[in-house]
Amino acid sequence: SIQSWIVLLNLLKGATSVFVTLRGILTEEALAPYLATRRTSTIMIRASGIRLFLKWVEDNGLEAEEIDERMSFAYLKHLQETSAPASRTGIFLKSCNFSYGLFGLTNGNAIALSARCRGLAAIAFSESRRRIQRDPLKMSWVMKAEEEVVLADHEAGRLSEQEGCVLGFLLFCTHTRFRFSDAARIT
């Protein structure tokens, strides 16, 4: 994950204060303190937002070091015109803010706070298809699942001990409103 930021920061060059501070010598050891307080998943998502932007910059013969609000708006407009996933605009703006905060991306804050960039991201998000969610669980289903967990691995039960554990975990997530990924980390 640090490696991807080394590549990106080398492309952005003087547009970031970290590049100037470290005199262009970007190593894992030098960047580790900047990223130490961030989760790996966040680091990767933010890098992805910048990476896609820099690919567009290269494809259009622009200079990454000249990143500004105007260039960013053109990129967001491109995303809209090419029907890119709606989340991509928001990820890019968050990536700019992230880069501004950690690496001193010169215009990162101006891009993230730009009314027209944020507006374009909001339009893209509102035009995305409506999220269709599953119907909520019926109380009778939950009660039946609870009975099956209690009877698991008994003569009267239909579930094995392992199946009962899995169903019990799902019931735990349902009752506590935990997401699977959060509940799985409980020790």
C-alpha atoms as a PDB file:
ATOM      1  CA  SER A   1       0.000   0.000   0.000  1.00  0.00           C
ATOM      2  CA  ILE A   2       2.872   2.393   0.722  1.00  0.00           C
ATOM      3  CA  GLN A   3       4.419   1.335  -2.590  1.00  0.00           C
ATOM      4  CA  SER A   4       1.379   2.571  -4.500  1.00  0.00           C
ATOM      5  CA  TRP A   5       1.656   5.974  -2.816  1.00  0.00           C
ATOM      6  CA  ILE A   6       5.360   6.158  -3.671  1.00  0.00           C
ATOM      7  CA  VAL A   7       4.458   5.758  -7.351  1.00  0.00           C
ATOM      8  CA  LEU A   8       1.621   8.300  -7.149  1.00  0.00           C
ATOM      9  CA  LEU A   9       3.637  10.908  -5.263  1.00  0.00           C
ATOM     10  CA  ASN A  10       6.494  10.559  -7.751  1.00  0.00           C
ATOM     11  CA  LEU A  11       4.004  11.353 -10.517  1.00  0.00           C
ATOM     12  CA  LEU A  12       2.538  14.338  -8.635  1.00  0.00           C
ATOM     13  CA  LYS A  13       6.030  15.612  -7.761  1.00  0.00           C
ATOM     14  CA  GLY A  14       6.043  19.235  -6.624  1.00  0.00           C
ATOM     15  CA  ALA A  15       2.246  19.309  -6.279  1.00  0.00           C
ATOM     16  CA  THR A  16       2.750  17.772  -2.825  1.00  0.00           C
ATOM     17  CA  SER A  17       4.715  19.235   0.045  1.00  0.00           C
ATOM     18  CA  VAL A  18       5.911  15.755   1.085  1.00  0.00           C
ATOM     19  CA  PHE A  19       7.765  15.403  -2.229  1.00  0.00           C
ATOM     20  CA  VAL A  20       9.489  18.746  -1.612  1.00  0.00           C
ATOM     21  CA  THR A  21      10.179  17.990   2.065  1.00  0.00           C
ATOM     22  CA  LEU A  22      11.729  14.607   1.276  1.00  0.00           C
ATOM     23  CA  ARG A  23      13.593  16.095  -1.710  1.00  0.00           C
ATOM     24  CA  GLY A  24      11.998  13.582  -4.061  1.00  0.00           C
ATOM     25  CA  ILE A  25      13.455  10.606  -2.187  1.00  0.00           C
ATOM     26  CA  LEU A  26      10.287   8.676  -1.424  1.00  0.00           C
ATOM     27  CA  THR A  27      10.879   5.388   0.347  1.00  0.00           C
ATOM     28  CA  GLU A  28       8.689   3.114   2.440  1.00  0.00           C
ATOM     29  CA  GLU A  29      10.595   4.182   5.524  1.00  0.00           C
ATOM     30  CA  ALA A  30      10.077   7.874   4.741  1.00  0.00           C
ATOM     31  CA  LEU A  31       6.332   7.557   4.024  1.00  0.00           C
ATOM     32  CA  ALA A  32       5.437   5.110   6.809  1.00  0.00           C
ATOM     33  CA  PRO A  33       4.966   7.846   9.460  1.00  0.00           C
ATOM     34  CA  TYR A  34       2.536   9.706   7.176  1.00  0.00           C
ATOM     35  CA  LEU A  35       0.322   6.648   6.752  1.00  0.00           C
ATOM     36  CA  ALA A  36       0.747   5.038  10.169  1.00  0.00           C
ATOM     37  CA  THR A  37      -2.585   6.249  11.563  1.00  0.00           C
ATOM     38  CA  ARG A  38      -4.653   5.165   8.564  1.00  0.00           C
ATOM     39  CA  ARG A  39      -6.269   1.802   7.883  1.00  0.00           C
ATOM     40  CA  THR A  40      -4.834  -0.186   5.005  1.00  0.00           C
ATOM     41  CA  SER A  41      -8.202  -0.311   3.239  1.00  0.00           C
ATOM     42  CA  THR A  42      -8.531   3.483   3.407  1.00  0.00           C
ATOM     43  CA  ILE A  43      -4.993   3.948   2.103  1.00  0.00           C
ATOM     44  CA  MET A  44      -5.726   1.671  -0.855  1.00  0.00           C
ATOM     45  CA  ILE A  45      -9.092   3.226  -1.739  1.00  0.00           C
ATOM     46  CA  ARG A  46      -7.648   6.745  -1.650  1.00  0.00           C
ATOM     47  CA  ALA A  47      -4.679   5.636  -3.768  1.00  0.00           C
ATOM     48  CA  SER A  48      -7.091   4.118  -6.266  1.00  0.00           C
ATOM     49  CA  GLY A  49      -8.950   7.437  -6.600  1.00  0.00           C
ATOM     50  CA  ILE A  50      -5.731   9.299  -7.380  1.00  0.00           C
ATOM     51  CA  ARG A  51      -4.392   6.505  -9.630  1.00  0.00           C
ATOM     52  CA  LEU A  52      -7.468   6.637 -11.891  1.00  0.00           C
ATOM     53  CA  PHE A  53      -7.195  10.423 -12.098  1.00  0.00           C
ATOM     54  CA  LEU A  54      -3.497  10.250 -13.016  1.00  0.00           C
ATOM     55  CA  LYS A  55      -4.258   7.689 -15.736  1.00  0.00           C
ATOM     56  CA  TRP A  56      -6.791  10.156 -17.200  1.00  0.00           C
ATOM     57  CA  VAL A  57      -4.188  12.933 -16.941  1.00  0.00           C
ATOM     58  CA  GLU A  58      -1.665  10.822 -18.857  1.00  0.00           C
ATOM     59  CA  ASP A  59      -4.221   9.779 -21.487  1.00  0.00           C
ATOM     60  CA  ASN A  60      -5.051  13.446 -22.118  1.00  0.00           C
ATOM     61  CA  GLY A  61      -1.444  14.620 -22.311  1.00  0.00           C
ATOM     62  CA  LEU A  62      -1.707  16.781 -19.196  1.00  0.00           C
ATOM     63  CA  GLU A  63       0.840  17.352 -16.433  1.00  0.00           C
ATOM     64  CA  ALA A  64      -0.019  15.727 -13.105  1.00  0.00           C
ATOM     65  CA  GLU A  65       1.995  18.348 -11.268  1.00  0.00           C
ATOM     66  CA  GLU A  66      -0.444  21.019 -12.476  1.00  0.00           C
ATOM     67  CA  ILE A  67      -3.427  19.452 -10.697  1.00  0.00           C
ATOM     68  CA  ASP A  68      -6.024  22.083  -9.834  1.00  0.00           C
ATOM     69  CA  GLU A  69      -9.771  22.561  -9.525  1.00  0.00           C
ATOM     70  CA  ARG A  70     -10.237  23.191 -13.250  1.00  0.00           C
ATOM     71  CA  MET A  71      -8.451  19.967 -14.219  1.00  0.00           C
ATOM     72  CA  SER A  72     -10.333  18.022 -11.554  1.00  0.00           C
ATOM     73  CA  PHE A  73     -13.675  19.341 -12.759  1.00  0.00           C
ATOM     74  CA  ALA A  74     -12.803  18.239 -16.305  1.00  0.00           C
ATOM     75  CA  TYR A  75     -11.973  14.767 -14.936  1.00  0.00           C
ATOM     76  CA  LEU A  76     -15.261  14.571 -13.030  1.00  0.00           C
ATOM     77  CA  LYS A  77     -17.102  15.704 -16.161  1.00  0.00           C
ATOM     78  CA  HIS A  78     -15.308  12.918 -18.065  1.00  0.00           C
ATOM     79  CA  LEU A  79     -16.464  10.390 -15.462  1.00  0.00           C
ATOM     80  CA  GLN A  80     -20.021  11.600 -15.872  1.00  0.00           C
ATOM     81  CA  GLU A  81     -19.891  11.478 -19.679  1.00  0.00           C
ATOM     82  CA  THR A  82     -18.420   7.974 -19.738  1.00  0.00           C
ATOM     83  CA  SER A  83     -21.000   6.660 -17.244  1.00  0.00           C
ATOM     84  CA  ALA A  84     -18.355   5.686 -14.711  1.00  0.00           C
ATOM     85  CA  PRO A  85     -19.655   4.227 -11.437  1.00  0.00           C
ATOM     86  CA  ALA A  86     -21.247   6.999  -9.349  1.00  0.00           C
ATOM     87  CA  SER A  87     -18.970   6.261  -6.395  1.00  0.00           C
ATOM     88  CA  ARG A  88     -15.870   7.126  -8.414  1.00  0.00           C
ATOM     89  CA  THR A  89     -16.527  10.894  -8.227  1.00  0.00           C
ATOM     90  CA  GLY A  90     -16.902  10.839  -4.457  1.00  0.00           C
ATOM     91  CA  ILE A  91     -13.845   8.639  -4.034  1.00  0.00           C
ATOM     92  CA  PHE A  92     -11.785  11.076  -6.093  1.00  0.00           C
ATOM     93  CA  LEU A  93     -12.844  14.066  -3.983  1.00  0.00           C
ATOM     94  CA  LYS A  94     -12.130  12.162  -0.769  1.00  0.00           C
ATOM     95  CA  SER A  95      -8.762  11.119  -2.194  1.00  0.00           C
ATOM     96  CA  CYS A  96      -7.893  14.765  -2.880  1.00  0.00           C
ATOM     97  CA  ASN A  97      -8.813  15.719   0.676  1.00  0.00           C
ATOM     98  CA  PHE A  98      -6.840  12.748   2.024  1.00  0.00           C
ATOM     99  CA  SER A  99      -3.810  13.738  -0.084  1.00  0.00           C
ATOM    100  CA  TYR A 100      -4.097  17.331   1.077  1.00  0.00           C
ATOM    101  CA  GLY A 101      -4.179  16.308   4.738  1.00  0.00           C
ATOM    102  CA  LEU A 102      -1.392  13.734   4.672  1.00  0.00           C
ATOM    103  CA  PHE A 103       0.867  14.739   1.821  1.00  0.00           C
ATOM    104  CA  GLY A 104       0.140  18.436   1.386  1.00  0.00           C
ATOM    105  CA  LEU A 105      -1.422  18.167  -2.082  1.00  0.00           C
ATOM    106  CA  THR A 106      -1.312  21.847  -2.995  1.00  0.00           C
ATOM    107  CA  ASN A 107      -4.826  22.174  -4.417  1.00  0.00           C
ATOM    108  CA  GLY A 108      -6.332  19.099  -2.739  1.00  0.00           C
ATOM    109  CA  ASN A 109      -8.435  21.076  -0.294  1.00  0.00           C
ATOM    110  CA  ALA A 110      -9.659  23.489  -2.973  1.00  0.00           C
ATOM    111  CA  ILE A 111     -10.673  20.549  -5.163  1.00  0.00           C
ATOM    112  CA  ALA A 112     -12.446  18.713  -2.331  1.00  0.00           C
ATOM    113  CA  LEU A 113     -14.319  21.870  -1.288  1.00  0.00           C
ATOM    114  CA  SER A 114     -15.092  23.125  -4.795  1.00  0.00           C
ATOM    115  CA  ALA A 115     -18.826  23.728  -5.123  1.00  0.00           C
ATOM    116  CA  ARG A 116     -18.913  22.678  -8.746  1.00  0.00           C
ATOM    117  CA  CYS A 117     -16.844  19.519  -8.180  1.00  0.00           C
ATOM    118  CA  ARG A 118     -18.995  18.516  -5.219  1.00  0.00           C
ATOM    119  CA  GLY A 119     -22.100  19.372  -7.211  1.00  0.00           C
ATOM    120  CA  LEU A 120     -21.029  17.166 -10.095  1.00  0.00           C
ATOM    121  CA  ALA A 121     -20.350  14.336  -7.645  1.00  0.00           C
ATOM    122  CA  ALA A 122     -23.810  14.814  -6.111  1.00  0.00           C
ATOM    123  CA  ILE A 123     -25.428  14.748  -9.561  1.00  0.00           C
ATOM    124  CA  ALA A 124     -23.565  11.541 -10.439  1.00  0.00           C
ATOM    125  CA  PHE A 125     -24.665   9.953  -7.190  1.00  0.00           C
ATOM    126  CA  SER A 126     -28.314  10.997  -7.593  1.00  0.00           C
ATOM    127  CA  GLU A 127     -28.392   9.675 -11.166  1.00  0.00           C
ATOM    128  CA  SER A 128     -27.077   6.286 -10.113  1.00  0.00           C
ATOM    129  CA  ARG A 129     -29.688   3.608  -9.980  1.00  0.00           C
ATOM    130  CA  ARG A 130     -31.763   3.377  -6.876  1.00  0.00           C
ATOM    131  CA  ARG A 131     -30.440   0.914  -4.315  1.00  0.00           C
ATOM    132  CA  ILE A 132     -32.705  -2.082  -4.063  1.00  0.00           C
ATOM    133  CA  GLN A 133     -32.505  -3.766  -0.708  1.00  0.00           C
ATOM    134  CA  ARG A 134     -33.857  -7.074   0.443  1.00  0.00           C
ATOM    135  CA  ASP A 135     -37.101  -7.235   2.348  1.00  0.00           C
ATOM    136  CA  PRO A 136     -36.600  -7.152   6.115  1.00  0.00           C
ATOM    137  CA  LEU A 137     -36.589 -10.453   7.958  1.00  0.00           C
ATOM    138  CA  LYS A 138     -39.981 -11.573   9.200  1.00  0.00           C
ATOM    139  CA  MET A 139     -40.299 -12.125  12.937  1.00  0.00           C
ATOM    140  CA  SER A 140     -41.472 -15.702  12.363  1.00  0.00           C
ATOM    141  CA  TRP A 141     -38.232 -16.435  10.463  1.00  0.00           C
ATOM    142  CA  VAL A 142     -36.103 -15.040  13.269  1.00  0.00           C
ATOM    143  CA  MET A 143     -38.022 -17.019  15.905  1.00  0.00           C
ATOM    144  CA  LYS A 144     -37.680 -20.232  13.867  1.00  0.00           C
ATOM    145  CA  ALA A 145     -33.937 -19.593  13.450  1.00  0.00           C
ATOM    146  CA  GLU A 146     -33.581 -19.081  17.217  1.00  0.00           C
ATOM    147  CA  GLU A 147     -35.351 -22.410  17.863  1.00  0.00           C
ATOM    148  CA  GLU A 148     -33.058 -24.187  15.393  1.00  0.00           C
ATOM    149  CA  VAL A 149     -29.949 -22.752  17.082  1.00  0.00           C
ATOM    150  CA  VAL A 150     -31.120 -23.947  20.493  1.00  0.00           C
ATOM    151  CA  LEU A 151     -31.851 -27.424  19.141  1.00  0.00           C
ATOM    152  CA  ALA A 152     -28.666 -27.671  17.040  1.00  0.00           C
ATOM    153  CA  ASP A 153     -26.709 -30.912  17.515  1.00  0.00           C
ATOM    154  CA  HIS A 154     -29.489 -32.434  19.640  1.00  0.00           C
ATOM    155  CA  GLU A 155     -31.620 -35.384  18.658  1.00  0.00           C
ATOM    156  CA  ALA A 156     -34.648 -33.115  18.035  1.00  0.00           C
ATOM    157  CA  GLY A 157     -32.662 -30.590  15.987  1.00  0.00           C
ATOM    158  CA  ARG A 158     -32.062 -30.565  12.241  1.00  0.00           C
ATOM    159  CA  LEU A 159     -28.790 -28.601  12.249  1.00  0.00           C
ATOM    160  CA  SER A 160     -25.293 -29.810  13.017  1.00  0.00           C
ATOM    161  CA  GLU A 161     -23.259 -28.021  15.676  1.00  0.00           C
ATOM    162  CA  GLN A 162     -21.355 -26.088  12.989  1.00  0.00           C
ATOM    163  CA  GLU A 163     -24.556 -25.031  11.212  1.00  0.00           C
ATOM    164  CA  GLY A 164     -25.976 -23.924  14.549  1.00  0.00           C
ATOM    165  CA  CYS A 165     -22.879 -21.790  15.184  1.00  0.00           C
ATOM    166  CA  VAL A 166     -23.192 -20.087  11.798  1.00  0.00           C
ATOM    167  CA  LEU A 167     -26.912 -19.448  12.226  1.00  0.00           C
ATOM    168  CA  GLY A 168     -26.280 -18.224  15.791  1.00  0.00           C
ATOM    169  CA  PHE A 169     -23.703 -15.766  14.486  1.00  0.00           C
ATOM    170  CA  LEU A 170     -26.178 -14.481  11.890  1.00  0.00           C
ATOM    171  CA  LEU A 171     -28.787 -14.048  14.620  1.00  0.00           C
ATOM    172  CA  PHE A 172     -26.238 -12.204  16.746  1.00  0.00           C
ATOM    173  CA  CYS A 173     -25.577  -9.820  13.832  1.00  0.00           C
ATOM    174  CA  THR A 174     -29.322  -9.361  13.334  1.00  0.00           C
ATOM    175  CA  HIS A 175     -30.083  -8.587  16.989  1.00  0.00           C
ATOM    176  CA  THR A 176     -27.078  -6.311  17.549  1.00  0.00           C
ATOM    177  CA  ARG A 177     -27.268  -4.700  14.081  1.00  0.00           C
ATOM    178  CA  PHE A 178     -23.590  -5.434  13.589  1.00  0.00           C
ATOM    179  CA  ARG A 179     -22.155  -5.809  10.150  1.00  0.00           C
ATOM    180  CA  PHE A 180     -20.486  -9.148   9.558  1.00  0.00           C
ATOM    181  CA  SER A 181     -17.009  -7.587   9.259  1.00  0.00           C
ATOM    182  CA  ASP A 182     -17.362  -5.769  12.593  1.00  0.00           C
ATOM    183  CA  ALA A 183     -18.798  -8.730  14.465  1.00  0.00           C
ATOM    184  CA  ALA A 184     -16.128 -11.096  13.111  1.00  0.00           C
ATOM    185  CA  ARG A 185     -13.439  -9.049  14.896  1.00  0.00           C
ATOM    186  CA  ILE A 186     -14.923  -9.513  18.350  1.00  0.00           C
ATOM    187  CA  THR A 187     -12.686 -11.566  20.598  1.00  0.00           C
END
